[in-house]
């Protein structure tokens, strides 16, 4: 499709909590005819200028009301994806330990821990390192899971953006179809100029979903934490971020 035919397409920001299905959401947006990914990730506000009509930029941008206004001013269509923070913990630990590039800031410290259980607990509770440890590992701290997530979860409540959960996209076919239709409806003012029906577009998008083609894909499973958390992990998580699970609708109370 030529540039002339993509000028009407939306400029989309795929923003996410890390390890929440960023690449899956990108595959959905790139299943729209004519859409292309930006040449690099959006790290700072100035990088938002990379997102032109017909392109999608991935990001892990922190929420602020000022940034939300900036995105509206730039007429960006923002889709935010989040996930059960317990599964984020599990996915983060595996990602860092299996990181084929070996360049994650936390890899040296997590590798120094003797067991997988210790690594999970560190990712839940966080850790502050001494000056001596800084010399060895090159970091001053690892945030706890609340600190890691809370500054991005404000997007879930922001009006005018499309908020999706990882679970909606993978729990079953019906849920996935409903979530994709939600995205199509959100972008439809631009997409209707493609002159294809919403159902045709849905099929094109679903045909582009290939999780295993992502370099960061491991399992893409819901509830992995149930197999990996022990009672110590559960109690630590409840203390630090149990209320967030309730706010996001993953639990009714702390009795899990």
Protein backbone atom coordinates (compact mmCIF):
# COMPACT_ATOMS: atom_id res chain seq x y z
CA UNK A 1 0.00 0.00 0.00
CA UNK A 2 1.55 3.33 -0.99
CA UNK A 3 2.14 6.26 1.35
CA UNK A 4 -0.76 8.14 -0.27
CA UNK A 5 -3.06 5.36 0.76
CA UNK A 6 -1.87 5.28 4.38
CA UNK A 7 -2.09 9.00 5.18
CA UNK A 8 -5.59 8.53 6.60
CA UNK A 9 -4.56 5.65 8.90
CA UNK A 10 -4.27 6.29 12.64
CA UNK A 11 -1.02 7.08 14.44
CA UNK A 12 -1.08 4.56 17.28
CA UNK A 13 0.86 4.39 20.53
CA UNK A 14 0.93 0.90 22.04
CA UNK A 15 1.79 1.60 25.67
CA UNK A 16 2.20 -1.18 28.20
CA UNK A 17 3.26 -2.46 31.54
CA UNK A 18 6.41 -4.51 30.74
CA UNK A 19 5.82 -8.26 30.26
CA UNK A 20 2.10 -7.70 29.67
CA UNK A 21 1.78 -8.63 26.00
CA UNK A 22 3.28 -5.64 24.20
CA UNK A 23 4.38 -7.71 21.20
CA UNK A 24 1.03 -9.47 20.98
CA UNK A 25 -0.74 -6.10 20.85
CA UNK A 26 1.73 -4.90 18.22
CA UNK A 27 0.92 -7.93 16.05
CA UNK A 28 -2.76 -7.00 16.31
CA UNK A 29 -2.17 -3.41 15.17
CA UNK A 30 0.23 -4.52 12.42
CA UNK A 31 -2.49 -6.85 11.14
CA UNK A 32 -4.29 -3.72 9.94
CA UNK A 33 -3.47 -3.23 6.23
CA UNK A 34 -0.95 -0.44 5.72
CA UNK A 35 0.21 -0.15 9.33
CA UNK A 36 3.96 -0.18 10.03
CA UNK A 37 6.05 -0.11 13.21
CA UNK A 38 8.24 2.88 14.09
CA UNK A 39 12.01 2.42 13.63
CA UNK A 40 12.58 2.39 17.41
CA UNK A 41 10.72 2.22 20.70
CA UNK A 42 9.25 5.38 22.20
CA UNK A 43 11.41 6.07 25.27
CA UNK A 44 10.93 9.80 25.81
CA UNK A 45 8.25 12.30 24.86
CA UNK A 46 10.34 13.60 21.96
CA UNK A 47 10.25 10.10 20.43
CA UNK A 48 6.49 10.44 19.95
CA UNK A 49 7.23 12.38 16.76
CA UNK A 50 8.28 9.08 15.15
CA UNK A 51 4.64 8.02 15.13
CA UNK A 52 3.19 9.17 11.81
CA UNK A 53 -0.20 8.29 10.27
CA UNK A 54 -0.08 4.58 9.44
CA UNK A 55 2.52 3.73 12.07
CA UNK A 56 2.52 2.27 15.57
CA UNK A 57 5.08 2.97 18.26
CA UNK A 58 5.63 0.66 21.26
CA UNK A 59 6.38 2.14 24.69
CA UNK A 60 6.40 1.62 28.46
CA UNK A 61 5.59 5.26 29.27
CA UNK A 62 4.88 6.30 32.85
CA UNK A 63 1.48 7.89 33.43
CA UNK A 64 0.99 11.56 34.23
CA UNK A 65 -1.89 13.90 33.49
CA UNK A 66 0.56 16.16 31.63
CA UNK A 67 1.67 13.30 29.38
CA UNK A 68 -1.95 12.28 28.78
CA UNK A 69 -2.66 15.84 27.57
CA UNK A 70 0.43 15.74 25.33
CA UNK A 71 -0.76 12.52 23.68
CA UNK A 72 -4.17 14.10 23.02
CA UNK A 73 -2.51 17.21 21.62
CA UNK A 74 -0.52 15.03 19.21
CA UNK A 75 -3.73 13.23 18.23
CA UNK A 76 -2.25 9.83 19.07
CA UNK A 77 -4.57 6.85 19.45
CA UNK A 78 -3.33 5.22 22.66
CA UNK A 79 -3.89 1.55 23.48
CA UNK A 80 -2.66 0.41 26.89
CA UNK A 81 -2.20 -3.22 27.88
CA UNK A 82 -1.73 -4.57 31.41
CA UNK A 83 -1.68 -7.98 33.10
CA UNK A 84 -2.07 -9.78 36.42
CA UNK A 85 0.97 -8.51 38.35
CA UNK A 86 1.67 -11.99 39.73
CA UNK A 87 2.22 -13.27 36.21
CA UNK A 88 4.27 -10.15 35.46
CA UNK A 89 6.61 -11.14 38.32
CA UNK A 90 7.04 -14.66 36.94
CA UNK A 91 7.51 -13.47 33.37
CA UNK A 92 10.03 -10.81 34.41
CA UNK A 93 12.22 -13.29 36.28
CA UNK A 94 12.27 -15.73 33.37
CA UNK A 95 12.86 -12.94 30.85
CA UNK A 96 15.80 -11.53 32.78
CA UNK A 97 17.40 -14.93 33.40
CA UNK A 98 16.88 -16.13 29.82
CA UNK A 99 17.77 -12.76 28.25
CA UNK A 100 19.65 -13.81 25.12
CA UNK A 101 21.19 -10.34 24.83
CA UNK A 102 22.52 -10.43 28.40
CA UNK A 103 22.07 -6.66 28.70
CA UNK A 104 19.29 -6.30 31.29
CA UNK A 105 20.41 -4.14 34.21
CA UNK A 106 19.11 -6.63 36.76
CA UNK A 107 20.66 -9.78 35.26
CA UNK A 108 23.95 -9.69 37.26
CA UNK A 109 22.18 -9.36 40.62
CA UNK A 110 19.46 -11.94 39.92
CA UNK A 111 22.09 -14.36 38.60
CA UNK A 112 23.95 -14.02 41.90
CA UNK A 113 20.92 -15.39 43.80
CA UNK A 114 21.04 -19.14 44.33
CA UNK A 115 17.43 -20.14 43.64
CA UNK A 116 14.47 -19.29 41.44
CA UNK A 117 12.40 -18.82 44.60
CA UNK A 118 14.78 -16.09 45.83
CA UNK A 119 14.55 -14.32 42.47
CA UNK A 120 10.75 -14.34 42.55
CA UNK A 121 10.76 -12.95 46.09
CA UNK A 122 13.23 -10.23 45.08
CA UNK A 123 10.99 -9.20 42.20
CA UNK A 124 8.00 -9.03 44.56
CA UNK A 125 9.68 -7.25 47.49
CA UNK A 126 12.42 -5.35 45.68
CA UNK A 127 15.87 -4.77 47.12
CA UNK A 128 18.15 -1.85 48.01
CA UNK A 129 21.84 -2.49 47.40
CA UNK A 130 24.79 -1.26 49.42
CA UNK A 131 27.63 0.83 47.95
CA UNK A 132 29.73 -2.32 47.86
CA UNK A 133 27.01 -4.20 45.99
CA UNK A 134 26.66 -1.27 43.58
CA UNK A 135 30.33 -1.69 42.67
CA UNK A 136 29.67 -5.35 41.93
CA UNK A 137 26.27 -5.24 40.22
CA UNK A 138 26.01 -1.71 38.84
CA UNK A 139 22.55 -0.93 40.31
CA UNK A 140 21.36 0.74 43.50
CA UNK A 141 18.00 -1.03 43.74
CA UNK A 142 15.34 -3.21 42.17
CA UNK A 143 11.86 -1.78 42.80
CA UNK A 144 9.17 -3.91 44.37
CA UNK A 145 6.30 -4.97 42.14
CA UNK A 146 4.09 -2.12 43.35
CA UNK A 147 6.72 0.48 42.49
CA UNK A 148 7.42 -1.28 39.19
CA UNK A 149 3.79 -1.16 38.07
CA UNK A 150 1.98 1.69 39.78
CA UNK A 151 3.44 4.56 37.76
CA UNK A 152 2.06 3.01 34.55
CA UNK A 153 -1.29 1.69 35.74
CA UNK A 154 -2.73 5.21 35.79
CA UNK A 155 -3.36 4.70 32.06
CA UNK A 156 -6.06 2.15 32.92
CA UNK A 157 -8.29 4.94 34.22
CA UNK A 158 -7.47 7.60 31.63
CA UNK A 159 -10.44 8.63 29.51
CA UNK A 160 -10.08 8.62 25.74
CA UNK A 161 -7.67 5.72 25.45
CA UNK A 162 -8.34 2.02 24.85
CA UNK A 163 -7.35 -0.16 27.81
CA UNK A 164 -6.94 -3.90 27.23
CA UNK A 165 -5.75 -6.74 29.47
CA UNK A 166 -3.43 -9.53 28.38
CA UNK A 167 -5.96 -12.00 29.73
CA UNK A 168 -8.70 -10.67 27.42
CA UNK A 169 -6.48 -11.46 24.44
CA UNK A 170 -5.49 -15.00 25.37
CA UNK A 171 -8.10 -16.59 27.65
CA UNK A 172 -10.15 -18.01 24.76
CA UNK A 173 -11.18 -17.32 21.17
CA UNK A 174 -14.40 -15.53 22.07
CA UNK A 175 -12.68 -13.17 24.49
CA UNK A 176 -9.90 -12.45 22.01
CA UNK A 177 -12.40 -11.62 19.27
CA UNK A 178 -14.29 -9.28 21.60
CA UNK A 179 -11.06 -7.52 22.64
CA UNK A 180 -9.92 -7.08 19.02
CA UNK A 181 -13.33 -5.69 18.08
CA UNK A 182 -12.96 -3.21 20.94
CA UNK A 183 -9.68 -2.05 19.36
CA UNK A 184 -11.24 -1.88 15.88
CA UNK A 185 -14.12 0.23 17.21
CA UNK A 186 -11.63 2.52 18.97
CA UNK A 187 -9.75 3.11 15.69
CA UNK A 188 -12.75 2.91 13.36
CA UNK A 189 -13.01 6.61 12.44
CA UNK A 190 -9.73 6.13 10.56
CA UNK A 191 -10.03 2.47 9.62
CA UNK A 192 -13.38 2.83 7.88
CA UNK A 193 -11.51 4.51 5.02
CA UNK A 194 -9.90 1.14 4.27
CA UNK A 195 -13.29 0.23 2.80
CA UNK A 196 -13.38 -3.25 4.33
CA UNK A 197 -15.87 -4.51 6.86
CA UNK A 198 -15.10 -4.83 10.54
CA UNK A 199 -15.38 -8.62 10.27
CA UNK A 200 -12.91 -8.73 7.35
CA UNK A 201 -10.55 -6.57 9.36
CA UNK A 202 -10.96 -8.84 12.37
CA UNK A 203 -9.92 -11.86 10.29
CA UNK A 204 -6.87 -10.05 8.86
CA UNK A 205 -5.78 -9.07 12.36
CA UNK A 206 -6.26 -12.57 13.80
CA UNK A 207 -4.26 -13.99 10.90
CA UNK A 208 -1.33 -11.80 11.92
CA UNK A 209 -1.18 -13.08 15.51
CA UNK A 210 1.84 -15.37 15.86
CA UNK A 211 3.09 -15.11 19.47
CA UNK A 212 5.98 -17.53 18.95
CA UNK A 213 7.52 -15.16 16.36
CA UNK A 214 8.23 -12.61 19.10
CA UNK A 215 11.79 -12.67 20.44
CA UNK A 216 10.50 -12.19 23.99
CA UNK A 217 7.77 -14.87 23.87
CA UNK A 218 8.06 -17.68 26.45
CA UNK A 219 4.67 -19.16 27.39
CA UNK A 220 2.04 -16.44 27.11
CA UNK A 221 0.11 -18.28 29.81
CA UNK A 222 -2.48 -17.05 32.31
CA UNK A 223 -2.00 -18.06 35.94
CA UNK A 224 1.64 -19.20 35.68
CA UNK A 225 2.13 -17.73 39.16
CA UNK A 226 0.01 -20.55 40.65
CA UNK A 227 2.71 -23.04 39.67
CA UNK A 228 5.64 -20.89 40.80
CA UNK A 229 4.56 -18.97 43.93
CA UNK A 230 4.90 -20.64 47.32
CA UNK A 231 3.19 -19.37 50.48
CA UNK A 232 6.02 -16.93 51.22
CA UNK A 233 5.65 -15.39 47.77
CA UNK A 234 1.88 -15.14 48.16
CA UNK A 235 2.04 -13.43 51.56
CA UNK A 236 4.71 -10.98 50.38
CA UNK A 237 2.66 -10.11 47.31
CA UNK A 238 -0.53 -9.59 49.30
CA UNK A 239 1.31 -7.22 51.64
CA UNK A 240 2.91 -5.17 48.86
CA UNK A 241 0.36 -5.16 46.04
CA UNK A 242 -2.67 -7.22 47.04
CA UNK A 243 -4.90 -4.15 46.87
CA UNK A 244 -3.88 -3.50 43.25
CA UNK A 245 -5.08 -6.98 42.26
CA UNK A 246 -8.44 -6.15 43.81
CA UNK A 247 -8.63 -2.72 42.11
CA UNK A 248 -7.87 -4.31 38.72
CA UNK A 249 -10.46 -7.04 39.26
CA UNK A 250 -8.13 -10.04 39.46
CA UNK A 251 -9.22 -10.88 43.02
CA UNK A 252 -12.19 -9.98 45.23
CA UNK A 253 -10.09 -9.91 48.40
CA UNK A 254 -6.75 -11.12 49.77
CA UNK A 255 -8.01 -14.66 50.35
CA UNK A 256 -6.18 -16.38 47.50
